Each structure stands twice: as C-alpha cells, then as structure tokens.
C-alpha atoms as a PDB file:
ATOM      1  CA  MET A   1       0.000   0.000   0.000  1.00  0.00           C
ATOM      2  CA  ASN A   2       1.305   3.410  -0.927  1.00  0.00           C
ATOM      3  CA  ALA A   3       1.460   6.210   1.576  1.00  0.00           C
ATOM      4  CA  PRO A   4      -0.627   9.229   0.596  1.00  0.00           C
ATOM      5  CA  ILE A   5       1.285  12.137  -0.898  1.00  0.00           C
ATOM      6  CA  GLU A   6       1.037  15.205   1.230  1.00  0.00           C
ATOM      7  CA  ASN A   7      -0.374  18.037  -0.848  1.00  0.00           C
ATOM      8  CA  ASN A   8       1.429  21.303  -0.097  1.00  0.00           C
ATOM      9  CA  VAL A   9       0.278  23.060  -3.250  1.00  0.00           C
ATOM     10  CA  CYS A  10      -3.028  24.781  -3.633  1.00  0.00           C
ATOM     11  CA  PRO A  11      -4.908  23.139  -6.529  1.00  0.00           C
ATOM     12  CA  ILE A  12      -5.791  26.632  -7.703  1.00  0.00           C
ATOM     13  CA  ASP A  13      -2.098  27.138  -8.578  1.00  0.00           C
ATOM     14  CA  ALA A  14      -2.183  24.130 -10.904  1.00  0.00           C
ATOM     15  CA  ILE A  15      -5.474  25.274 -12.442  1.00  0.00           C
ATOM     16  CA  ASP A  16      -4.038  28.763 -12.951  1.00  0.00           C
ATOM     17  CA  ASN A  17      -0.978  27.305 -14.711  1.00  0.00           C
ATOM     18  CA  VAL A  18      -3.075  25.194 -17.068  1.00  0.00           C
ATOM     19  CA  THR A  19      -5.416  28.099 -17.816  1.00  0.00           C
ATOM     20  CA  GLN A  20      -2.446  30.371 -18.454  1.00  0.00           C
ATOM     21  CA  ALA A  21      -0.857  27.792 -20.769  1.00  0.00           C
ATOM     22  CA  ARG A  22      -4.082  27.539 -22.783  1.00  0.00           C
ATOM     23  CA  GLU A  23      -4.224  31.318 -23.187  1.00  0.00           C
ATOM     24  CA  ILE A  24      -0.589  31.485 -24.270  1.00  0.00           C
ATOM     25  CA  LEU A  25      -1.147  28.746 -26.852  1.00  0.00           C
ATOM     26  CA  GLN A  26      -4.059  30.777 -28.213  1.00  0.00           C
ATOM     27  CA  TRP A  27      -1.736  33.778 -28.532  1.00  0.00           C
ATOM     28  CA  LEU A  28       0.849  31.678 -30.374  1.00  0.00           C
ATOM     29  CA  GLU A  29      -1.843  30.319 -32.692  1.00  0.00           C
ATOM     30  CA  ALA A  30      -2.896  33.891 -33.508  1.00  0.00           C
ATOM     31  CA  ILE A  31       0.716  34.868 -34.196  1.00  0.00           C
ATOM     32  CA  GLY A  32       1.053  31.821 -36.454  1.00  0.00           C
ATOM     33  CA  TRP A  33      -2.069  32.852 -38.356  1.00  0.00           C
ATOM     34  CA  ALA A  34      -0.812  36.428 -38.699  1.00  0.00           C
ATOM     35  CA  THR A  35       2.560  35.148 -39.919  1.00  0.00           C
ATOM     36  CA  SER A  36       0.819  33.035 -42.550  1.00  0.00           C
ATOM     37  CA  GLU A  37      -1.262  36.017 -43.670  1.00  0.00           C
ATOM     38  CA  ALA A  38       1.845  38.208 -43.886  1.00  0.00           C
ATOM     39  CA  LEU A  39       3.502  35.618 -46.115  1.00  0.00           C
ATOM     40  CA  LYS A  40       0.405  35.340 -48.332  1.00  0.00           C
ATOM     41  CA  LYS A  41       0.378  39.129 -48.739  1.00  0.00           C
ATOM     42  CA  GLU A  42       4.106  39.123 -49.530  1.00  0.00           C
ATOM     43  CA  MET A  43       5.070  41.045 -46.408  1.00  0.00           C
ATOM     44  CA  PRO A  44       8.272  39.209 -45.454  1.00  0.00           C
ATOM     45  CA  THR A  45       9.449  41.773 -42.914  1.00  0.00           C
ATOM     46  CA  HIS A  46       6.230  41.421 -40.912  1.00  0.00           C
ATOM     47  CA  ALA A  47       6.415  37.640 -41.239  1.00  0.00           C
ATOM     48  CA  ARG A  48      10.002  37.599 -39.916  1.00  0.00           C
ATOM     49  CA  HIS A  49       9.089  39.832 -36.969  1.00  0.00           C
ATOM     50  CA  LEU A  50       6.065  37.723 -36.122  1.00  0.00           C
ATOM     51  CA  ALA A  51       8.106  34.523 -36.364  1.00  0.00           C
ATOM     52  CA  ALA A  52      10.752  36.005 -34.054  1.00  0.00           C
ATOM     53  CA  LEU A  53       8.052  37.066 -31.591  1.00  0.00           C
ATOM     54  CA  SER A  54       6.538  33.588 -31.647  1.00  0.00           C
ATOM     55  CA  GLN A  55       9.932  32.003 -30.963  1.00  0.00           C
ATOM     56  CA  TYR A  56      10.681  34.431 -28.130  1.00  0.00           C
ATOM     57  CA  LEU A  57       7.309  33.852 -26.457  1.00  0.00           C
ATOM     58  CA  ALA A  58       7.515  30.075 -26.848  1.00  0.00           C
ATOM     59  CA  CYS A  59      10.998  29.929 -25.266  1.00  0.00           C
ATOM     60  CA  ASP A  60      10.124  32.365 -22.484  1.00  0.00           C
ATOM     61  CA  TRP A  61       6.914  30.601 -21.521  1.00  0.00           C
ATOM     62  CA  ALA A  62       8.506  27.145 -21.826  1.00  0.00           C
ATOM     63  CA  ASN A  63      11.040  28.258 -19.218  1.00  0.00           C
ATOM     64  CA  HIS A  64       8.278  29.687 -17.016  1.00  0.00           C
ATOM     65  CA  PHE A  65       6.291  26.447 -17.066  1.00  0.00           C
ATOM     66  CA  ASP A  66       9.431  24.373 -16.515  1.00  0.00           C
ATOM     67  CA  VAL A  67      10.036  26.337 -13.303  1.00  0.00           C
ATOM     68  CA  GLU A  68       6.389  25.926 -12.272  1.00  0.00           C
ATOM     69  CA  ALA A  69       6.505  22.169 -12.950  1.00  0.00           C
ATOM     70  CA  GLU A  70       9.646  21.882 -10.824  1.00  0.00           C
ATOM     71  CA  LYS A  71       7.915  23.741  -7.966  1.00  0.00           C
ATOM     72  CA  LEU A  72       4.977  21.329  -8.126  1.00  0.00           C
ATOM     73  CA  ALA A  73       7.306  18.321  -8.285  1.00  0.00           C
ATOM     74  CA  ILE A  74       9.236  19.504  -5.214  1.00  0.00           C
ATOM     75  CA  ALA A  75       6.019  20.211  -3.319  1.00  0.00           C
ATOM     76  CA  HIS A  76       4.838  16.661  -4.024  1.00  0.00           C
ATOM     77  CA  GLY A  77       8.189  14.988  -3.319  1.00  0.00           C
ATOM     78  CA  MET A  78       8.727  14.120  -6.976  1.00  0.00           C
ATOM     79  CA  ASN A  79      11.648  16.421  -7.791  1.00  0.00           C
ATOM     80  CA  LYS A  80      14.314  15.224 -10.230  1.00  0.00           C
ATOM     81  CA  GLN A  81      17.196  15.453  -7.736  1.00  0.00           C
END
C-alpha cells in the first residue's frame, strides 16, 4: 500500500498554470495565423518579426512552465534530484 502524498500546493495554482498555458497557446496560434497572412500578402518583414516574436514567447513561456513544474514536483516529493 502506498502512503498518501502530502499536498502542499493549492490546486488553484495548478489550475491557474493550465489556464495560463491555454491562453498562451491561443496567442501563439494567432501569431502563427498572422505570420501566414503576412507571407500570403508578400510582407516578409512582418512575417520575420512575427516569427521572431513567436519564438521568443515560446521559449520564455517554456522556461516559465518548466520552473512551475519543478515547484509542483518539489512540493509533491517528486523532484528530479
């Protein structure tokens, strides 16, 4: 029988992270659409800027959620160390 895992994290924190991730993915989808439209309208400068923005946001938020996942793992005794 497994011992119960003590929950030191408010479930609202996890819900907030998932909700935030969904919103960010919607932003990235909109940037992808705008990039596609810029390419269709032969606006390569706009397309390059939008692609750079998408890459920046994806990397920045990936780091943010990596940190948040580590916090949850530590709180639940599942850290990688």
